Protein backbone atom coordinates (compact mmCIF):
# COMPACT_ATOMS: atom_id res chain seq x y z
CA MET A 1 -0.09 0.22 0.11
CA PRO A 2 1.17 3.38 -0.93
CA TRP A 3 2.42 5.64 2.08
CA ASP A 4 -0.02 8.55 2.61
CA PHE A 5 1.74 11.68 3.64
CA GLU A 6 -1.23 13.82 3.98
CA ASP A 7 -2.15 13.58 7.60
CA HIS A 8 1.45 12.95 8.78
CA ALA A 9 2.80 15.30 11.09
CA TRP A 10 6.43 15.77 8.98
CA LYS A 11 4.37 16.13 5.50
CA ASP A 12 5.89 19.70 5.02
CA LEU A 13 9.72 18.73 6.06
CA ILE A 14 9.71 15.65 3.56
CA SER A 15 11.17 16.60 0.50
CA PRO A 16 8.60 16.30 -2.92
CA GLU A 17 11.36 13.76 -4.25
CA ASP A 18 11.01 11.75 -0.92
CA ILE A 19 7.60 11.53 -0.87
CA GLN A 20 7.81 10.52 -4.75
CA LEU A 21 9.88 7.92 -4.03
CA TYR A 22 8.20 6.46 -0.68
CA SER A 23 4.73 6.70 -2.49
CA HIS A 24 5.31 4.84 -5.46
CA TYR A 25 8.75 2.21 -3.66
CA ARG A 26 10.12 3.38 -6.94
CA ARG A 27 12.01 0.34 -7.93
CA ASP A 28 13.04 1.37 -10.90
CA THR A 29 15.31 3.82 -10.14
CA HIS A 30 18.20 2.09 -10.60
CA LEU A 31 20.46 4.04 -9.16
CA GLY A 32 22.80 1.12 -8.02
CA GLN A 33 22.92 -0.93 -4.53
CA ARG A 34 23.77 1.38 -1.44
CA PRO A 35 24.34 1.59 2.16
CA ALA A 36 21.37 2.74 4.44
CA LEU A 37 20.91 4.48 7.33
CA LEU A 38 17.74 3.44 9.70
CA ALA A 39 16.78 6.86 12.46
CA ILE A 40 14.26 6.10 15.02
CA ASP A 41 12.35 8.49 16.73
CA LEU A 42 10.54 7.25 19.98
CA TYR A 43 7.77 9.20 22.22
CA ASN A 44 7.62 9.82 25.78
CA MET A 45 5.06 7.08 25.98
CA ALA A 46 7.88 4.50 26.27
CA TYR A 47 8.51 6.03 29.52
CA ALA A 48 5.39 8.12 30.72
CA GLY A 49 3.32 4.95 29.91
CA GLY A 50 0.15 7.83 28.66
CA PRO A 51 -0.72 11.17 28.08
CA GLY A 52 -0.68 13.86 30.56
CA PRO A 53 -1.47 17.22 31.04
CA VAL A 54 0.89 19.08 28.61
CA HIS A 55 2.26 21.33 31.83
CA GLU A 56 3.19 17.87 33.36
CA ILE A 57 4.82 15.98 30.71
CA ALA A 58 6.72 19.63 29.25
CA GLU A 59 8.15 19.60 33.17
CA GLU A 60 9.05 15.76 32.35
CA PHE A 61 10.26 16.00 29.24
CA PRO A 62 11.63 19.48 28.70
CA SER A 63 13.71 18.26 25.58
CA ALA A 64 10.91 16.93 23.65
CA CYS A 65 8.21 19.35 24.25
CA GLY A 66 7.51 22.82 23.13
CA ASP A 67 10.14 25.21 21.96
CA TYR A 68 12.67 22.62 22.25
CA ALA A 69 10.79 20.21 20.26
CA TRP A 70 10.26 22.55 17.25
CA ASP A 71 14.10 23.60 17.65
CA ALA A 72 15.11 19.60 17.13
CA ILE A 73 13.16 19.80 13.91
CA GLU A 74 15.46 21.94 11.85
CA PRO A 75 18.84 19.80 12.83
CA THR A 76 16.93 16.54 12.09
CA LYS A 77 16.36 17.75 8.67
CA GLN A 78 19.89 18.94 8.51
CA LEU A 79 21.34 15.59 9.48
CA PHE A 80 19.05 13.45 6.60
CA SER A 81 20.60 16.12 4.16
CA MET A 82 23.83 15.72 5.20
CA MET A 83 23.59 11.86 5.30
CA ARG A 84 22.15 11.89 1.89
CA ALA A 85 24.57 14.23 0.27
CA ARG A 86 27.36 12.06 1.43
CA GLY A 87 25.28 8.69 -0.34
CA PHE A 88 23.66 7.55 2.65
CA PRO A 89 19.84 6.83 1.94
CA ALA A 90 18.21 7.25 5.03
CA ILE A 91 14.57 6.72 6.26
CA TYR A 92 12.70 8.12 9.42
CA THR A 93 10.65 5.71 11.29
CA THR A 94 8.50 6.72 14.50
CA THR A 95 6.27 4.86 17.03
CA GLU A 96 3.80 7.98 16.79
CA ASP A 97 1.18 5.66 15.51
CA ARG A 98 2.07 2.25 17.44
CA LYS A 99 2.34 3.53 20.50
CA ASP A 100 0.28 0.61 22.27
CA PHE A 101 3.33 -1.57 21.42
CA LEU A 102 6.19 -0.05 22.75
CA ASP A 103 7.78 -2.80 24.17
CA ASP A 104 11.58 -4.01 22.84
CA ALA A 105 10.17 -7.51 21.35
CA GLN A 106 7.64 -5.31 19.48
CA MET A 107 10.15 -2.23 18.63
CA ALA A 108 12.30 -5.40 17.28
CA LEU A 109 9.90 -6.81 15.05
CA ASP A 110 9.48 -3.16 13.61
CA LEU A 111 13.25 -2.58 12.90
CA LYS A 112 13.25 -5.74 11.66
CA ALA A 113 10.51 -4.66 9.17
CA SER A 114 11.92 -1.21 8.51
CA VAL A 115 15.38 -3.18 7.21
CA ASP A 116 13.40 -5.55 5.66
CA TRP A 117 11.79 -2.83 3.48
CA LEU A 118 15.05 -1.38 3.02
CA GLY A 119 16.67 -4.21 1.56
CA ALA A 120 13.78 -4.95 -0.81
CA GLN A 121 14.61 -1.50 -2.42
CA GLU A 122 16.63 -1.54 -5.62
CA ASN A 123 18.66 1.25 -4.84
CA VAL A 124 19.63 -0.23 -1.64
CA ASP A 125 22.26 -2.61 -0.93
CA GLY A 126 20.20 -4.48 2.36
CA SER A 127 23.54 -6.13 3.76
CA ARG A 128 24.93 -2.77 4.54
CA VAL A 129 22.65 -0.81 6.78
CA ALA A 130 23.79 1.32 10.17
CA LEU A 131 20.94 1.80 13.11
CA LEU A 132 21.37 5.18 15.00
CA GLY A 133 19.29 6.87 17.23
CA HIS A 134 19.50 10.02 19.92
CA CYS A 135 18.49 9.11 23.52
CA MET A 136 15.62 6.97 23.46
CA GLY A 137 16.63 6.36 19.83
CA GLY A 138 19.81 5.86 21.28
CA ARG A 139 18.73 3.10 23.75
CA THR A 140 16.55 1.22 20.74
CA THR A 141 20.12 1.47 18.69
CA TRP A 142 21.11 -0.94 21.68
CA MET A 143 18.26 -2.89 21.99
CA GLY A 144 18.21 -3.23 17.95
CA LEU A 145 21.78 -4.59 18.08
CA VAL A 146 21.24 -6.91 20.79
CA SER A 147 18.02 -8.06 19.60
CA LEU A 148 18.71 -8.23 15.84
CA PRO A 149 22.17 -9.69 15.41
CA GLY A 150 23.17 -10.07 11.71
CA LEU A 151 21.32 -7.33 10.31
CA PHE A 152 23.29 -4.04 11.01
CA LYS A 153 26.90 -3.40 10.16
CA CYS A 154 27.35 -1.20 12.88
CA GLY A 155 25.49 1.03 15.12
CA CYS A 156 25.74 4.37 17.27
CA PRO A 157 23.98 5.27 19.92
CA PHE A 158 24.05 9.14 20.99
CA TYR A 159 23.88 9.53 24.76
CA SER A 160 21.64 6.38 25.34
CA GLY A 161 19.80 6.44 28.60
CA ASN A 162 18.05 3.19 30.10
CA VAL A 163 19.94 1.09 28.65
CA PHE A 164 19.99 -0.68 32.09
CA GLY A 165 16.08 -0.32 32.32
CA LYS A 166 13.56 -2.80 30.70
CA ILE A 167 10.35 -2.11 28.78
CA GLY A 168 8.24 -4.65 28.43
CA SER A 169 9.12 -8.53 28.72
CA PRO A 170 12.54 -8.67 27.11
CA PRO A 171 15.80 -8.51 29.73
CA PRO A 172 17.28 -4.49 29.61
CA PRO A 173 19.84 -4.05 26.47
CA ALA A 174 22.78 -4.03 28.60
CA GLU A 175 21.92 -7.68 29.94
CA ARG A 176 22.07 -8.94 26.22
CA LEU A 177 25.44 -7.48 25.11
CA ALA A 178 26.87 -10.62 23.92
CA ALA A 179 24.11 -10.95 21.26
CA ILE A 180 26.11 -7.63 19.51
CA ASP A 181 28.07 -8.70 16.04
CA CYS A 182 28.95 -5.54 14.96
CA PRO A 183 31.30 -2.34 15.75
CA VAL A 184 29.52 0.16 17.78
CA MET A 185 30.90 3.95 18.49
CA GLY A 186 29.15 5.99 21.47
CA PHE A 187 28.49 9.38 22.09
CA PHE A 188 28.23 10.62 25.72
CA GLY A 189 28.18 14.28 27.65
CA ASN A 190 30.05 13.93 30.80
CA ASP A 191 27.67 16.34 32.32
CA ASP A 192 24.42 14.21 31.63
CA THR A 193 22.53 12.30 34.06
CA ASN A 194 21.09 9.51 32.30
CA PRO A 195 23.11 7.97 30.96
CA SER A 196 25.57 9.43 33.68
CA PRO A 197 29.36 8.83 33.45
CA ALA A 198 28.92 6.00 35.86
CA ASP A 199 26.42 4.43 33.44
CA VAL A 200 28.81 4.79 30.34
CA ASP A 201 31.92 3.06 32.25
CA ARG A 202 29.32 0.24 33.06
CA LEU A 203 28.90 0.16 29.54
CA ASP A 204 32.31 0.52 28.64
CA LYS A 205 33.17 -2.15 31.09
CA LEU A 206 30.20 -4.96 29.89
CA MET A 207 31.57 -4.66 26.30
CA THR A 208 35.24 -4.88 27.20
CA GLU A 209 34.98 -7.72 28.91
CA LEU A 210 32.56 -9.84 26.58
CA GLY A 211 35.35 -8.82 23.66
CA LYS A 212 32.66 -6.49 21.73
CA GLU A 213 34.54 -3.70 19.28
CA HIS A 214 33.65 -0.51 20.83
CA VAL A 215 34.75 2.80 21.10
CA PHE A 216 33.16 5.40 23.27
CA HIS A 217 33.50 9.30 22.99
CA ARG A 218 32.53 11.51 26.05
CA TYR A 219 32.66 15.19 26.09
CA ASP A 220 33.50 17.12 29.19
CA GLY A 221 31.32 19.79 29.70
CA THR A 222 28.42 18.34 27.74
CA GLY A 223 25.14 17.01 29.34
CA HIS A 224 22.20 15.37 27.12
CA ALA A 225 21.26 16.37 23.77
CA PHE A 226 24.50 18.05 23.00
CA MET A 227 23.70 17.29 19.25
CA GLY A 228 20.95 20.21 18.48
CA ALA A 229 17.85 19.39 20.55
CA SER A 230 17.66 23.21 21.91
CA ARG A 231 19.83 26.32 22.21
CA GLU A 232 20.58 25.66 26.01
CA LYS A 233 21.57 22.06 25.05
CA PHE A 234 23.84 22.11 22.23
CA ARG A 235 27.46 21.80 22.77
CA GLU A 236 28.94 23.16 19.22
CA LYS A 237 32.64 21.40 19.66
CA SER A 238 31.21 18.21 21.02
CA ALA A 239 28.31 17.80 18.08
CA ARG A 240 30.96 18.91 15.24
CA ASP A 241 33.43 16.57 16.71
CA ALA A 242 30.38 14.06 16.96
CA TRP A 243 28.95 14.02 13.73
CA THR A 244 32.66 14.22 12.27
CA LYS A 245 33.14 10.57 13.86
CA THR A 246 29.93 9.64 13.22
CA LEU A 247 30.54 9.77 9.43
CA GLN A 248 34.03 8.77 9.11
CA PHE A 249 32.66 5.43 11.20
CA LEU A 250 29.59 4.87 8.72
CA SER A 251 32.23 5.43 5.88
CA LYS A 252 34.44 2.57 7.20
CA HIS A 253 31.41 0.08 7.68
CA ILE A 254 29.25 0.66 5.40
CA GLY A 255 30.56 3.10 2.83
CA GLY A 256 29.83 7.02 1.71
CA SER A 257 31.95 9.57 2.33
CA ALA A 258 33.48 11.23 5.31
CA PRO A 259 34.15 15.18 5.62
CA ALA A 260 36.56 16.83 7.64
CA VAL A 261 35.14 18.66 10.69
CA ALA A 262 34.63 22.23 9.12
CA ASP A 263 32.54 20.71 6.76
CA VAL A 264 30.08 19.23 9.00
CA PHE A 265 26.98 21.50 9.50
CA PRO A 266 27.32 25.25 9.95
CA THR A 267 26.43 26.39 13.12
CA GLU A 268 23.38 28.34 12.22
CA GLU A 269 22.18 25.23 10.35
CA LEU A 270 22.78 22.80 13.47
CA VAL A 271 20.63 25.60 15.55
CA GLY A 272 17.78 26.19 14.10
């Protein structure tokens, strides 16, 4: 069934070319097989359990509500533009329409369905897919890597909180790290509280003990959502370094080009 963007919250932010591509699956593009990036956006119901008064939700999840949320749209658009310009086809998936299924087991099935869809496209090499996510999407990156070994060539979790906590029936991602079979590069702020530096130390220790290939980059004077979710939390130096390392990492493991630090997002594009 073709995609219908008419009622989609992101309709005005998706290019006409992408709407045409996704609406008709465009199997006649013949662009050659390319690697792909799958980005995840999850809503506060993963933690809060359901809707609530706006002022209460805004206080509990300040970086995901109000002005902060709107500020995050432009950097997300820039992320996709940058990835595509570097040769990484990218799709965006959200749990907005599946909030009753926020369980790690179900989310793993949704990730699998997304990757299967990518792999079915003639212009995508389904054997070269990377998984990347910020905040809750970072946790879901860990969840995808431990739940679906063999599916991803690498993973990049950014400030991934609650990796030691359960969502639904499966054990927490941190208890299933032995299943990971691809390189991981993580990015964390040393002023963050979820994950805290102690949480990152614990993850690092577990990955090392299991012999898993991984690199964690940590930034002083940097807290949660430093990649550009809000002007208050944005840290330009940390964000530039993280994006550059991410592109180099993706280039190494799934292909595409890796620009120098100075070429990654002008500041006015990072912070809308």
